[in-house]
Amino acid sequence: MASASGNWDFSILPEVVWVNVFSQLGLSDRNRVSRTCIRLSEVFRHPSLWHSVRIILLGDGDADDSHVAKARKNFGIIMPERYSAMINAFGAFFQDVELIILGHMREIRQSCEDVISQLAKNCRLASLTLEIGEPVNHASTRKPPKESSLKVIGSLISEAFRLKSLNLISWPIHQGHNDYDILCCVRKNAHIPSRHSNVY
């Protein structure tokens, strides 16, 4: 409907239309649009918009890891504190989560650890996709992840009682941490059907 000034008030469109529009936007764009009026702020909170979520965190990396600095710009990474606020507000709606840790992962920062712990505690994950750092194998010269870091991520898998599908893109592998081998984490979760666990 056009206003007296001749401008169209798009906020009066049916909710289903706006939900579809928001579903085509990235998280940052959704947030900006939601701030234009109360009606769109309400649409921003629609549960269906939070069923699928991608969370991108940065590994600790090395001092010369220039690709990590580029990743912050290229991937539009959100600060961990904002992810924490998002999970607190909408985590109960999360069903399909993609967790990505970019760069080399040796020790998870406390802020990132808090994000992962919140995912395990607040979200009813049905599907989880993991891309955890750069591959680290037995022959690698880079230091492997610390046991405490693997334990945090491993608990996300082993304690997700609704998890039905696990897609693994990358996971650090090295000697000495067999308790946190990805297959061990999967075996600890009896809710994951073996036919729905995929490794790429």
Protein backbone atom coordinates (compact mmCIF):
# COMPACT_ATOMS: atom_id res chain seq x y z
CA MET A 1 0.00 0.00 0.00
CA ALA A 2 1.34 3.43 -0.90
CA SER A 3 1.61 6.11 1.77
CA ALA A 4 0.43 9.69 1.36
CA SER A 5 3.90 10.56 0.06
CA GLY A 6 3.61 7.94 -2.66
CA ASN A 7 6.19 5.58 -1.11
CA TRP A 8 5.34 1.93 -0.63
CA ASP A 9 5.26 0.49 2.89
CA PHE A 10 6.69 -2.98 2.34
CA SER A 11 6.45 -3.84 6.03
CA ILE A 12 2.73 -4.62 5.55
CA LEU A 13 3.51 -7.60 3.33
CA PRO A 14 2.39 -10.96 4.82
CA GLU A 15 4.78 -12.53 7.29
CA VAL A 16 5.34 -15.56 5.05
CA VAL A 17 6.71 -13.25 2.35
CA TRP A 18 9.15 -11.57 4.71
CA VAL A 19 10.28 -14.89 6.17
CA ASN A 20 11.09 -16.03 2.64
CA VAL A 21 12.98 -12.79 1.96
CA PHE A 22 14.97 -13.12 5.19
CA SER A 23 15.81 -16.74 4.39
CA GLN A 24 17.67 -15.57 1.28
CA LEU A 25 19.89 -13.21 3.29
CA GLY A 26 23.04 -13.78 5.27
CA LEU A 27 22.97 -13.24 9.02
CA SER A 28 24.54 -9.76 8.89
CA ASP A 29 22.07 -8.58 6.25
CA ARG A 30 19.14 -10.00 8.21
CA ASN A 31 20.28 -8.12 11.26
CA ARG A 32 20.51 -4.82 9.37
CA VAL A 33 17.08 -5.23 7.79
CA SER A 34 15.52 -6.15 11.14
CA ARG A 35 16.55 -2.80 12.57
CA THR A 36 14.46 -0.80 10.12
CA CYS A 37 11.15 -1.29 11.94
CA ILE A 38 9.42 -3.24 14.71
CA ARG A 39 7.58 -5.50 12.26
CA LEU A 40 10.81 -6.72 10.61
CA SER A 41 12.44 -7.09 14.00
CA GLU A 42 9.70 -9.58 14.81
CA VAL A 43 10.23 -11.42 11.52
CA PHE A 44 13.95 -11.68 12.36
CA ARG A 45 12.96 -13.83 15.36
CA HIS A 46 10.83 -16.27 13.38
CA PRO A 47 11.87 -19.81 14.46
CA SER A 48 12.12 -21.17 10.90
CA LEU A 49 14.91 -18.70 10.13
CA TRP A 50 17.10 -20.27 12.80
CA HIS A 51 16.79 -23.95 11.89
CA SER A 52 19.99 -23.87 9.80
CA VAL A 53 23.00 -21.91 11.06
CA ARG A 54 26.64 -21.60 10.02
CA ILE A 55 29.14 -20.65 12.71
CA ILE A 56 32.68 -19.69 11.68
CA LEU A 57 35.43 -19.32 14.26
CA LEU A 58 39.15 -18.65 13.88
CA GLY A 59 41.81 -21.12 14.95
CA ASP A 60 44.69 -19.73 16.97
CA GLY A 61 47.04 -20.06 13.98
CA ASP A 62 50.69 -19.08 13.91
CA ALA A 63 52.17 -15.59 13.85
CA ASP A 64 52.78 -15.78 10.11
CA ASP A 65 49.34 -17.13 9.22
CA SER A 66 48.35 -14.30 6.88
CA HIS A 67 45.46 -16.38 5.54
CA VAL A 68 43.76 -16.15 8.94
CA ALA A 69 43.71 -12.36 8.75
CA LYS A 70 42.32 -12.59 5.22
CA ALA A 71 39.71 -15.08 6.38
CA ARG A 72 38.29 -12.59 8.88
CA LYS A 73 37.58 -10.23 6.00
CA ASN A 74 36.66 -12.72 3.27
CA PHE A 75 34.27 -14.82 5.35
CA GLY A 76 32.66 -11.99 7.31
CA ILE A 77 33.42 -13.69 10.58
CA ILE A 78 31.33 -12.59 13.55
CA MET A 79 32.95 -12.02 16.94
CA PRO A 80 32.46 -15.02 19.29
CA GLU A 81 30.60 -12.83 21.78
CA ARG A 82 27.93 -12.11 19.15
CA TYR A 83 27.60 -15.82 18.41
CA SER A 84 27.08 -16.39 22.14
CA ALA A 85 24.31 -13.81 22.25
CA MET A 86 22.72 -15.37 19.16
CA ILE A 87 22.79 -18.86 20.67
CA ASN A 88 21.29 -17.60 23.93
CA ALA A 89 18.44 -15.94 22.04
CA PHE A 90 17.75 -18.46 19.28
CA GLY A 91 19.74 -21.62 20.07
CA ALA A 92 16.61 -23.57 20.98
CA PHE A 93 15.57 -23.33 17.31
CA PHE A 94 18.89 -24.61 15.88
CA GLN A 95 18.55 -27.98 14.14
CA ASP A 96 21.14 -28.04 11.38
CA VAL A 97 24.47 -26.48 12.36
CA GLU A 98 27.68 -26.12 10.39
CA LEU A 99 30.69 -25.40 12.61
CA ILE A 100 33.85 -24.21 10.86
CA ILE A 101 37.18 -23.41 12.53
CA LEU A 102 39.47 -21.70 10.04
CA GLY A 103 43.25 -21.93 10.03
CA HIS A 104 45.43 -24.10 12.25
CA MET A 105 43.82 -25.08 15.53
CA ARG A 106 46.08 -25.76 18.49
CA GLU A 107 44.18 -24.24 21.39
CA ILE A 108 40.65 -22.91 21.27
CA ARG A 109 40.32 -19.41 22.65
CA GLN A 110 38.08 -19.13 25.70
CA SER A 111 35.52 -17.03 23.81
CA CYS A 112 35.32 -19.68 21.06
CA GLU A 113 35.15 -22.47 23.63
CA ASP A 114 32.17 -20.70 25.21
CA VAL A 115 30.40 -20.68 21.82
CA ILE A 116 30.93 -24.43 21.32
CA SER A 117 29.86 -25.22 24.89
CA GLN A 118 26.69 -23.19 24.39
CA LEU A 119 25.93 -25.10 21.21
CA ALA A 120 26.15 -28.38 23.13
CA LYS A 121 24.04 -27.07 26.01
CA ASN A 122 21.34 -24.95 24.37
CA CYS A 123 20.75 -26.45 20.92
CA ARG A 124 18.71 -29.47 19.88
CA LEU A 125 21.03 -30.46 17.07
CA ALA A 126 19.63 -32.95 14.57
CA SER A 127 22.37 -32.47 11.96
CA LEU A 128 25.96 -31.33 12.49
CA THR A 129 28.64 -30.54 9.92
CA LEU A 130 32.22 -30.07 11.14
CA GLU A 131 35.19 -28.49 9.40
CA ILE A 132 37.75 -28.26 12.18
CA GLY A 133 40.95 -26.46 11.27
CA GLU A 134 43.54 -27.43 8.73
CA PRO A 135 44.31 -31.16 8.48
CA VAL A 136 47.03 -32.25 10.95
CA ASN A 137 48.36 -35.78 10.52
CA HIS A 138 51.18 -37.90 11.94
CA ALA A 139 53.72 -36.42 9.52
CA SER A 140 52.79 -32.79 10.12
CA THR A 141 55.44 -30.41 11.49
CA ARG A 142 52.80 -28.16 13.06
CA LYS A 143 51.87 -28.65 16.68
CA PRO A 144 48.72 -30.73 17.19
CA PRO A 145 45.65 -29.45 19.02
CA LYS A 146 45.68 -29.58 22.77
CA GLU A 147 43.68 -32.29 24.48
CA SER A 148 41.43 -29.73 26.18
CA SER A 149 40.47 -28.24 22.80
CA LEU A 150 39.61 -31.61 21.29
CA LYS A 151 37.58 -32.45 24.38
CA VAL A 152 35.39 -29.36 23.93
CA ILE A 153 34.59 -30.18 20.30
CA GLY A 154 34.27 -33.89 21.01
CA SER A 155 31.63 -33.24 23.64
CA LEU A 156 29.55 -31.40 21.03
CA ILE A 157 29.29 -34.71 19.19
CA SER A 158 29.11 -37.21 22.02
CA GLU A 159 26.56 -35.30 24.13
CA ALA A 160 24.11 -34.21 21.40
CA PHE A 161 21.19 -36.46 22.34
CA ARG A 162 19.08 -35.51 19.29
CA LEU A 163 21.89 -35.80 16.76
CA LYS A 164 20.89 -38.00 13.83
CA SER A 165 23.33 -36.93 11.12
CA LEU A 166 27.03 -36.05 11.30
CA ASN A 167 28.96 -34.77 8.29
CA LEU A 168 32.71 -34.52 8.81
CA ILE A 169 34.73 -32.43 6.37
CA SER A 170 37.97 -32.15 8.36
CA TRP A 171 39.25 -33.12 11.80
CA PRO A 172 42.80 -32.91 13.27
CA ILE A 173 44.44 -36.33 13.61
CA HIS A 174 47.65 -37.13 15.48
CA GLN A 175 49.14 -39.55 17.97
CA GLY A 176 48.48 -39.26 21.67
CA HIS A 177 44.83 -38.22 21.75
CA ASN A 178 43.00 -41.40 20.85
CA ASP A 179 40.26 -40.62 23.36
CA TYR A 180 39.25 -37.68 21.18
CA ASP A 181 39.53 -39.37 17.84
CA ILE A 182 36.45 -38.44 15.82
CA LEU A 183 35.32 -42.07 15.54
CA CYS A 184 35.55 -42.45 19.30
CA CYS A 185 33.32 -39.39 19.78
CA VAL A 186 30.79 -40.83 17.35
CA ARG A 187 30.74 -44.19 19.10
CA LYS A 188 29.99 -42.48 22.41
CA ASN A 189 26.76 -41.12 20.94
CA ALA A 190 24.29 -43.96 20.57
CA HIS A 191 21.80 -41.64 18.85
CA ILE A 192 23.80 -41.33 15.62
CA PRO A 193 22.78 -44.03 13.12
CA SER A 194 25.93 -45.34 11.42
CA ARG A 195 24.39 -44.87 7.99
CA HIS A 196 24.03 -41.13 8.66
CA SER A 197 27.67 -40.47 9.59
CA ASN A 198 29.61 -39.21 6.60
CA VAL A 199 33.28 -38.36 6.16
CA TYR A 200 34.37 -36.29 3.14
